[in-house]
């Protein structure tokens, strides 16, 4: 049968899920998204009968699809998989739901964070709340949700008996908070002998957007641990920490691939004009593989946008300049496009 050109009946998709003797046809994966209520009910009914390894594999395959197709959504399947008896499937279900940005998921993630028997699943649910805390920092999340998240996660962080992974993820997610004084907690994590805690401190510091962490970030850009160098590069980019530029340029030649790529991303966020662009182009010429080349090309595109935005913000607009801009439809459209097209 030509799987690529034959649209299957949903019952056929379900039977393929249950069939242990044959691989699940990859094109069928797309038929597990955007389900009708009737199809959701049928999938929920047969889900416990789907072989465990297939359920686990589905979570990985569907996450890959959502990473490469921003329009893909498997929310209904993810909600069903949240109830799975297997922690790996529940973990994967949360990953599927990270992209949804649905405030109605917040109470569900909080419930999992409090009550799931598996610490990794609990920590993953807390991580999923990070995008909502970013919304809160942008004043785009209703207060009741912000308060519920902050109250719950701070209780985890304050409890020394709580699982360490849960506490570290709580610190990282609360890095976005504008209502809590996270500085003492970040300082304590930096002072920890644990590399895990230090990495979480860098992550939270970057999310905080506070210049006060600049010196810490600079120190870690020289750390012997590749993981901590990479996390410091990420933090430098999030903080737009210009003093880190020289060191980030050096890290484009770091022996650790994740550190090189994170340095490239950070430079593209901070900006720096032709000098940084030339460094990224040189790095692209010597990219280790296609994945690194793609990331460097993306960094170059982002750098161009960052520098263009910087030039625009440096412009001295007078009233006549603004009037001229408003009278020029093409110039106005280009200007608005740089800011997301919001005329107001």
Protein backbone atom coordinates (compact mmCIF):
# COMPACT_ATOMS: atom_id res chain seq x y z
CA UNK A 1 0.00 0.00 0.00
CA UNK A 2 1.23 3.50 -0.81
CA UNK A 3 1.23 5.11 2.66
CA UNK A 4 2.27 8.46 1.24
CA UNK A 5 -0.84 8.93 -0.90
CA UNK A 6 -3.59 6.97 0.84
CA UNK A 7 -5.55 8.82 3.52
CA UNK A 8 -6.33 6.19 6.18
CA UNK A 9 -9.55 5.85 8.11
CA UNK A 10 -8.95 6.69 11.78
CA UNK A 11 -9.84 3.15 12.81
CA UNK A 12 -7.07 1.99 10.50
CA UNK A 13 -4.67 4.28 12.36
CA UNK A 14 -5.80 2.84 15.69
CA UNK A 15 -5.40 -0.73 14.48
CA UNK A 16 -1.89 0.10 13.29
CA UNK A 17 -1.11 1.40 16.77
CA UNK A 18 -2.24 -1.89 18.28
CA UNK A 19 -0.46 -4.11 15.76
CA UNK A 20 2.77 -5.30 17.37
CA UNK A 21 3.77 -7.30 14.29
CA UNK A 22 4.23 -4.34 11.96
CA UNK A 23 6.01 -0.98 12.33
CA UNK A 24 3.70 1.98 12.73
CA UNK A 25 3.58 3.78 9.33
CA UNK A 26 5.30 7.18 9.75
CA UNK A 27 2.66 9.07 7.68
CA UNK A 28 0.04 7.88 10.17
CA UNK A 29 1.70 10.04 12.84
CA UNK A 30 0.13 13.15 11.34
CA UNK A 31 -3.33 11.63 11.73
CA UNK A 32 -2.90 11.69 15.51
CA UNK A 33 -3.16 15.48 15.61
CA UNK A 34 -6.15 17.83 15.55
CA UNK A 35 -8.56 15.07 16.57
CA UNK A 36 -12.33 15.30 16.67
CA UNK A 37 -14.06 14.58 20.03
CA UNK A 38 -15.10 11.17 18.70
CA UNK A 39 -11.57 10.30 17.71
CA UNK A 40 -10.24 11.49 21.06
CA UNK A 41 -12.67 9.16 22.82
CA UNK A 42 -11.60 6.19 20.67
CA UNK A 43 -7.90 6.90 21.17
CA UNK A 44 -8.40 7.18 24.91
CA UNK A 45 -10.24 3.86 24.87
CA UNK A 46 -7.54 1.88 23.11
CA UNK A 47 -4.49 3.71 24.51
CA UNK A 48 -3.78 1.27 27.39
CA UNK A 49 -3.66 -1.56 24.86
CA UNK A 50 -0.96 0.07 22.74
CA UNK A 51 2.37 -1.70 23.37
CA UNK A 52 4.59 0.16 25.82
CA UNK A 53 7.56 0.58 23.50
CA UNK A 54 5.27 1.96 20.82
CA UNK A 55 3.78 4.47 23.25
CA UNK A 56 7.27 5.59 24.22
CA UNK A 57 8.40 5.77 20.60
CA UNK A 58 5.32 7.79 19.66
CA UNK A 59 6.19 10.46 22.19
CA UNK A 60 9.66 10.84 20.69
CA UNK A 61 8.48 10.79 17.07
CA UNK A 62 5.70 13.31 17.66
CA UNK A 63 8.04 15.66 19.54
CA UNK A 64 10.40 15.57 16.57
CA UNK A 65 7.51 16.55 14.29
CA UNK A 66 6.58 19.51 16.50
CA UNK A 67 10.20 20.67 16.55
CA UNK A 68 10.29 20.79 12.74
CA UNK A 69 6.70 21.87 12.05
CA UNK A 70 5.48 24.80 14.12
CA UNK A 71 1.90 24.20 12.95
CA UNK A 72 1.75 20.62 14.24
CA UNK A 73 -0.16 19.97 17.45
CA UNK A 74 -0.83 16.72 19.26
CA UNK A 75 -2.51 18.24 22.31
CA UNK A 76 -5.30 15.66 22.61
CA UNK A 77 -2.90 12.74 22.47
CA UNK A 78 -0.61 14.49 24.93
CA UNK A 79 -3.43 14.91 27.43
CA UNK A 80 -4.28 11.22 27.12
CA UNK A 81 -0.62 10.23 27.56
CA UNK A 82 -0.38 12.33 30.73
CA UNK A 83 -2.45 9.61 32.40
CA UNK A 84 -0.16 6.80 31.24
CA UNK A 85 1.15 4.39 33.87
CA UNK A 86 4.67 4.62 32.42
CA UNK A 87 6.75 7.63 33.58
CA UNK A 88 8.67 7.83 30.30
CA UNK A 89 5.39 8.23 28.40
CA UNK A 90 4.16 10.86 30.85
CA UNK A 91 7.48 12.68 30.48
CA UNK A 92 7.11 12.65 26.71
CA UNK A 93 3.51 13.83 26.94
CA UNK A 94 4.62 16.93 28.83
CA UNK A 95 7.21 17.62 26.14
CA UNK A 96 4.43 17.45 23.54
CA UNK A 97 2.37 19.96 25.50
CA UNK A 98 5.22 22.47 26.02
CA UNK A 99 4.41 24.16 22.73
CA UNK A 100 0.70 24.66 23.34
CA UNK A 101 0.83 27.88 25.42
CA UNK A 102 -2.64 27.13 26.76
CA UNK A 103 -3.28 28.67 30.18
CA UNK A 104 -5.70 25.84 30.93
CA UNK A 105 -2.69 23.51 31.08
CA UNK A 106 -1.16 25.41 34.01
CA UNK A 107 -3.28 23.75 36.74
CA UNK A 108 -2.54 20.35 35.17
CA UNK A 109 1.21 20.95 35.13
CA UNK A 110 1.06 22.15 38.75
CA UNK A 111 -0.84 19.04 39.76
CA UNK A 112 1.80 16.84 38.13
CA UNK A 113 4.57 18.88 39.77
CA UNK A 114 3.01 18.23 43.17
CA UNK A 115 1.81 14.67 42.88
CA UNK A 116 3.48 12.60 40.17
CA UNK A 117 5.43 9.70 41.72
CA UNK A 118 8.39 10.19 39.38
CA UNK A 119 10.77 13.10 40.15
CA UNK A 120 11.85 13.51 36.51
CA UNK A 121 8.24 13.85 35.41
CA UNK A 122 7.62 16.40 38.17
CA UNK A 123 10.70 18.41 37.15
CA UNK A 124 9.63 18.28 33.50
CA UNK A 125 6.21 19.69 34.40
CA UNK A 126 7.93 22.53 36.26
CA UNK A 127 10.09 23.18 33.20
CA UNK A 128 6.95 23.37 31.06
CA UNK A 129 5.81 26.26 33.25
CA UNK A 130 8.81 28.34 32.16
CA UNK A 131 7.07 29.71 29.05
CA UNK A 132 4.17 30.84 31.23
CA UNK A 133 6.51 32.61 33.62
CA UNK A 134 8.00 34.40 30.63
CA UNK A 135 4.48 35.54 29.77
CA UNK A 136 4.13 36.74 33.35
CA UNK A 137 7.37 38.73 33.05
CA UNK A 138 5.90 40.35 29.94
CA UNK A 139 2.71 41.07 31.89
CA UNK A 140 0.73 38.80 29.58
CA UNK A 141 -0.38 36.18 32.12
CA UNK A 142 -3.33 36.68 34.49
CA UNK A 143 -2.20 37.19 38.06
CA UNK A 144 -4.02 34.14 39.42
CA UNK A 145 -1.87 31.87 37.27
CA UNK A 146 1.34 33.72 38.09
CA UNK A 147 0.59 33.53 41.80
CA UNK A 148 -0.21 29.81 41.67
CA UNK A 149 3.03 29.03 39.85
CA UNK A 150 5.24 31.17 42.06
CA UNK A 151 3.68 29.93 45.31
CA UNK A 152 3.97 26.29 44.33
CA UNK A 153 7.51 26.44 42.98
CA UNK A 154 8.84 28.53 45.83
CA UNK A 155 7.50 25.92 48.26
CA UNK A 156 9.55 23.30 46.40
CA UNK A 157 12.67 25.47 46.45
CA UNK A 158 12.40 26.18 50.16
CA UNK A 159 11.98 22.51 51.12
CA UNK A 160 15.40 20.91 51.72
CA UNK A 161 13.74 17.49 51.74
CA UNK A 162 12.38 17.98 48.24
CA UNK A 163 13.99 16.14 45.33
CA UNK A 164 17.04 18.08 44.11
CA UNK A 165 16.05 17.94 40.45
CA UNK A 166 12.65 19.37 41.31
CA UNK A 167 14.24 22.18 43.34
CA UNK A 168 16.75 23.07 40.62
CA UNK A 169 14.02 23.18 37.97
CA UNK A 170 11.94 25.38 40.26
CA UNK A 171 14.87 27.81 40.53
CA UNK A 172 15.30 27.91 36.75
CA UNK A 173 11.60 28.54 36.12
CA UNK A 174 11.40 31.21 38.82
CA UNK A 175 14.30 33.03 37.21
CA UNK A 176 11.68 34.92 35.20
CA UNK A 177 9.81 36.10 38.30
CA UNK A 178 9.36 39.83 38.79
CA UNK A 179 7.55 39.38 42.10
CA UNK A 180 10.01 37.28 44.09
CA UNK A 181 13.50 38.15 45.29
CA UNK A 182 15.38 35.32 43.62
CA UNK A 183 18.85 36.82 44.13
CA UNK A 184 19.61 34.96 47.41
CA UNK A 185 18.58 31.66 45.84
CA UNK A 186 20.67 32.23 42.74
CA UNK A 187 23.66 33.27 44.86
CA UNK A 188 23.29 30.13 46.97
CA UNK A 189 23.21 28.00 43.83
CA UNK A 190 26.35 29.68 42.48
CA UNK A 191 28.08 28.95 45.80
CA UNK A 192 27.17 25.27 45.70
CA UNK A 193 29.95 22.76 44.95
CA UNK A 194 27.47 20.98 42.67
CA UNK A 195 27.90 21.62 38.95
CA UNK A 196 24.17 20.93 38.53
CA UNK A 197 23.27 23.77 40.91
CA UNK A 198 25.78 26.11 39.29
CA UNK A 199 24.26 25.36 35.87
CA UNK A 200 20.79 26.10 37.26
CA UNK A 201 22.11 29.35 38.75
CA UNK A 202 23.40 30.44 35.33
CA UNK A 203 20.09 29.48 33.73
CA UNK A 204 18.07 31.46 36.28
CA UNK A 205 20.47 34.42 36.11
CA UNK A 206 20.04 34.64 32.35
CA UNK A 207 16.29 34.52 32.63
CA UNK A 208 16.30 37.24 35.26
CA UNK A 209 17.57 39.83 32.78
CA UNK A 210 19.51 41.51 35.61
CA UNK A 211 22.93 43.06 34.96
CA UNK A 212 23.97 42.18 38.51
CA UNK A 213 24.89 38.67 37.30
CA UNK A 214 27.30 39.88 34.63
CA UNK A 215 30.46 39.22 36.65
CA UNK A 216 29.34 35.69 37.54
CA UNK A 217 28.61 34.98 33.89
CA UNK A 218 32.02 36.30 32.82
CA UNK A 219 33.78 34.03 35.33
CA UNK A 220 31.94 30.95 34.06
CA UNK A 221 32.77 31.71 30.45
CA UNK A 222 36.32 30.63 31.42
CA UNK A 223 35.24 27.58 33.45
CA UNK A 224 36.92 24.23 32.86
CA UNK A 225 33.52 22.52 32.53
CA UNK A 226 32.17 22.62 28.94
CA UNK A 227 28.64 22.42 30.29
CA UNK A 228 29.12 25.50 32.46
CA UNK A 229 30.86 27.41 29.67
CA UNK A 230 27.87 26.72 27.43
CA UNK A 231 25.39 27.75 30.12
CA UNK A 232 27.38 30.93 30.74
CA UNK A 233 27.28 31.73 27.02
CA UNK A 234 23.52 31.26 27.06
CA UNK A 235 23.22 33.58 30.06
CA UNK A 236 25.42 36.20 28.41
CA UNK A 237 23.14 36.19 25.39
CA UNK A 238 19.99 36.45 27.45
CA UNK A 239 21.47 39.31 29.47
CA UNK A 240 22.75 41.01 26.28
CA UNK A 241 26.00 41.35 28.19
CA UNK A 242 28.28 43.25 25.81
CA UNK A 243 31.46 42.87 27.94
CA UNK A 244 31.25 39.15 27.15
CA UNK A 245 31.70 39.71 23.41
CA UNK A 246 35.48 39.15 23.29
CA UNK A 247 35.29 35.92 25.21
CA UNK A 248 32.31 34.70 23.16
CA UNK A 249 34.30 35.28 20.00
CA UNK A 250 37.03 33.06 21.44
CA UNK A 251 34.45 30.41 22.32
CA UNK A 252 33.48 30.11 18.66
CA UNK A 253 36.61 27.92 18.48
CA UNK A 254 35.93 26.02 21.70
CA UNK A 255 36.58 22.28 21.56
CA UNK A 256 33.05 21.63 22.85
CA UNK A 257 30.37 21.80 20.09
CA UNK A 258 27.47 22.94 22.35
CA UNK A 259 29.66 25.73 23.73
CA UNK A 260 30.54 26.90 20.20
CA UNK A 261 26.90 26.99 19.16
CA UNK A 262 25.75 28.72 22.32
CA UNK A 263 28.48 31.32 21.87
CA UNK A 264 27.27 31.92 18.31
CA UNK A 265 23.70 32.35 19.49
CA UNK A 266 24.76 34.72 22.28
CA UNK A 267 26.75 36.88 19.88
CA UNK A 268 23.75 37.07 17.56
CA UNK A 269 21.62 38.32 20.43
CA UNK A 270 24.15 40.87 21.68
CA UNK A 271 25.05 42.18 18.22
CA UNK A 272 28.36 43.64 17.11
CA UNK A 273 28.27 44.55 13.45
CA UNK A 274 30.70 43.40 10.77
CA UNK A 275 33.33 42.10 13.16
CA UNK A 276 30.97 39.58 14.73
CA UNK A 277 29.44 38.74 11.37
CA UNK A 278 32.88 37.96 9.94
CA UNK A 279 33.68 35.74 12.94
CA UNK A 280 30.43 33.82 12.49
CA UNK A 281 31.08 33.45 8.76
CA UNK A 282 34.56 32.09 9.48
CA UNK A 283 33.07 29.65 11.97
CA UNK A 284 30.54 28.61 9.33
CA UNK A 285 33.35 27.83 6.88
CA UNK A 286 34.84 25.44 9.44
CA UNK A 287 31.56 23.97 10.75
CA UNK A 288 31.98 20.42 12.01
CA UNK A 289 28.74 19.14 10.47
CA UNK A 290 25.47 20.17 8.84
CA UNK A 291 23.76 20.75 12.18
CA UNK A 292 26.45 23.19 13.27
CA UNK A 293 26.37 24.92 9.90
CA UNK A 294 22.60 25.37 10.11
CA UNK A 295 22.88 26.83 13.60
CA UNK A 296 25.58 29.27 12.48
CA UNK A 297 23.52 30.37 9.48
CA UNK A 298 20.61 31.01 11.82
CA UNK A 299 22.91 33.00 14.11
CA UNK A 300 24.03 35.14 11.17
CA UNK A 301 20.41 35.87 10.24
CA UNK A 302 19.58 36.74 13.84
CA UNK A 303 22.67 38.95 14.11
CA UNK A 304 21.55 40.97 11.08
CA UNK A 305 18.18 41.55 12.70
CA UNK A 306 19.74 42.44 16.05
CA UNK A 307 22.09 44.97 14.50
CA UNK A 308 19.31 46.44 12.39
CA UNK A 309 17.17 46.87 15.47
CA UNK A 310 20.10 48.45 17.30
CA UNK A 311 20.69 50.93 14.50
CA UNK A 312 17.04 51.85 14.50
CA UNK A 313 16.92 52.41 18.23
CA UNK A 314 19.98 54.67 17.99
CA UNK A 315 18.25 56.95 15.51
CA UNK A 316 17.28 60.40 16.72
CA UNK A 317 13.63 60.76 15.71
CA UNK A 318 12.21 64.26 15.67
CA UNK A 319 8.59 65.17 15.06
CA UNK A 320 9.20 65.79 11.37
CA UNK A 321 10.97 62.41 11.03
CA UNK A 322 8.02 60.68 12.63
CA UNK A 323 5.54 62.54 10.42
CA UNK A 324 7.53 61.58 7.33
CA UNK A 325 7.58 57.96 8.43
CA UNK A 326 3.82 57.91 8.99
CA UNK A 327 3.26 59.40 5.53
CA UNK A 328 5.42 56.77 3.78
CA UNK A 329 3.41 53.54 3.63
CA UNK A 330 6.34 51.37 2.51
CA UNK A 331 8.73 52.73 5.15
CA UNK A 332 6.06 52.43 7.82
CA UNK A 333 5.31 48.83 6.86
CA UNK A 334 9.02 47.94 7.07
CA UNK A 335 9.33 49.73 10.41
CA UNK A 336 6.28 47.96 11.87
CA UNK A 337 7.43 44.60 10.58
CA UNK A 338 10.59 44.92 12.66
CA UNK A 339 8.43 45.30 15.76
CA UNK A 340 6.00 42.52 14.98
CA UNK A 341 3.57 44.58 12.88
CA UNK A 342 1.83 46.26 15.81
CA UNK A 343 0.68 49.69 14.60
CA UNK A 344 -0.25 50.85 18.09
